[in-house]
Amino acid sequence: MRFPTKEENMMMKTIEPYLDNHCKLKDNAPDEIKELAEKLRESLADAVCY
């Protein structure tokens, strides 16, 4: 597993206010935040060890 990149950390900080207590996006999150969250998920997918 690798550490998140600087760009991934910045994306997470941008998304963080729109996360609930279970780290799921809130319903009122703007579309641009939803797209950013999907981009972050895809970026981190290669960091997972299977």
C-alpha atoms as a PDB file:
ATOM      1  CA  MET A   1       0.000   0.000   0.000  1.00  0.00           C
ATOM      2  CA  ARG A   2       1.252   3.483  -0.793  1.00  0.00           C
ATOM      3  CA  PHE A   3       0.707   6.772   0.988  1.00  0.00           C
ATOM      4  CA  PRO A   4      -1.734   9.281  -0.544  1.00  0.00           C
ATOM      5  CA  THR A   5      -0.205  11.871  -2.836  1.00  0.00           C
ATOM      6  CA  LYS A   6      -0.303  15.592  -2.129  1.00  0.00           C
ATOM      7  CA  GLU A   7      -3.085  15.953  -4.725  1.00  0.00           C
ATOM      8  CA  GLU A   8      -5.139  13.177  -3.083  1.00  0.00           C
ATOM      9  CA  ASN A   9      -4.727  14.839   0.325  1.00  0.00           C
ATOM     10  CA  MET A  10      -5.938  18.141  -1.126  1.00  0.00           C
ATOM     11  CA  MET A  11      -8.976  16.422  -2.659  1.00  0.00           C
ATOM     12  CA  MET A  12      -9.808  14.822   0.693  1.00  0.00           C
ATOM     13  CA  LYS A  13      -9.606  18.162   2.495  1.00  0.00           C
ATOM     14  CA  THR A  14     -11.988  19.646  -0.090  1.00  0.00           C
ATOM     15  CA  ILE A  15     -14.478  16.786   0.291  1.00  0.00           C
ATOM     16  CA  GLU A  16     -14.272  16.495   4.088  1.00  0.00           C
ATOM     17  CA  PRO A  17     -16.951  19.117   4.979  1.00  0.00           C
ATOM     18  CA  TYR A  18     -19.462  17.151   2.880  1.00  0.00           C
ATOM     19  CA  LEU A  19     -18.914  13.830   4.684  1.00  0.00           C
ATOM     20  CA  ASP A  20     -21.201  12.522   7.417  1.00  0.00           C
ATOM     21  CA  ASN A  21     -20.120  10.645  10.562  1.00  0.00           C
ATOM     22  CA  HIS A  22     -19.810   7.433   8.520  1.00  0.00           C
ATOM     23  CA  CYS A  23     -17.592   9.068   5.848  1.00  0.00           C
ATOM     24  CA  LYS A  24     -20.347   9.007   3.248  1.00  0.00           C
ATOM     25  CA  LEU A  25     -21.211  12.019   1.124  1.00  0.00           C
ATOM     26  CA  LYS A  26     -24.118  14.045   2.426  1.00  0.00           C
ATOM     27  CA  ASP A  27     -27.177  14.386   0.176  1.00  0.00           C
ATOM     28  CA  ASN A  28     -26.609  18.135  -0.189  1.00  0.00           C
ATOM     29  CA  ALA A  29     -23.093  17.763  -1.628  1.00  0.00           C
ATOM     30  CA  PRO A  30     -22.708  19.701  -4.905  1.00  0.00           C
ATOM     31  CA  ASP A  31     -22.153  17.749  -8.112  1.00  0.00           C
ATOM     32  CA  GLU A  32     -18.570  18.997  -8.374  1.00  0.00           C
ATOM     33  CA  ILE A  33     -17.824  17.524  -4.925  1.00  0.00           C
ATOM     34  CA  LYS A  34     -19.421  14.221  -5.954  1.00  0.00           C
ATOM     35  CA  GLU A  35     -17.238  14.142  -9.068  1.00  0.00           C
ATOM     36  CA  LEU A  36     -14.155  14.965  -7.008  1.00  0.00           C
ATOM     37  CA  ALA A  37     -15.010  12.159  -4.566  1.00  0.00           C
ATOM     38  CA  GLU A  38     -15.302   9.695  -7.452  1.00  0.00           C
ATOM     39  CA  LYS A  39     -11.961  10.854  -8.845  1.00  0.00           C
ATOM     40  CA  LEU A  40     -10.384  10.401  -5.408  1.00  0.00           C
ATOM     41  CA  ARG A  41     -11.884   6.915  -5.060  1.00  0.00           C
ATOM     42  CA  GLU A  42     -10.488   5.894  -8.443  1.00  0.00           C
ATOM     43  CA  SER A  43      -7.098   7.390  -7.619  1.00  0.00           C
ATOM     44  CA  LEU A  44      -6.867   5.534  -4.316  1.00  0.00           C
ATOM     45  CA  ALA A  45      -8.095   2.243  -5.752  1.00  0.00           C
ATOM     46  CA  ASP A  46      -4.592   1.377  -6.948  1.00  0.00           C
ATOM     47  CA  ALA A  47      -3.197   2.018  -3.449  1.00  0.00           C
ATOM     48  CA  VAL A  48      -5.074  -0.932  -1.930  1.00  0.00           C
ATOM     49  CA  CYS A  49      -3.308  -4.218  -1.389  1.00  0.00           C
ATOM     50  CA  TYR A  50      -5.376  -7.260  -2.287  1.00  0.00           C
END
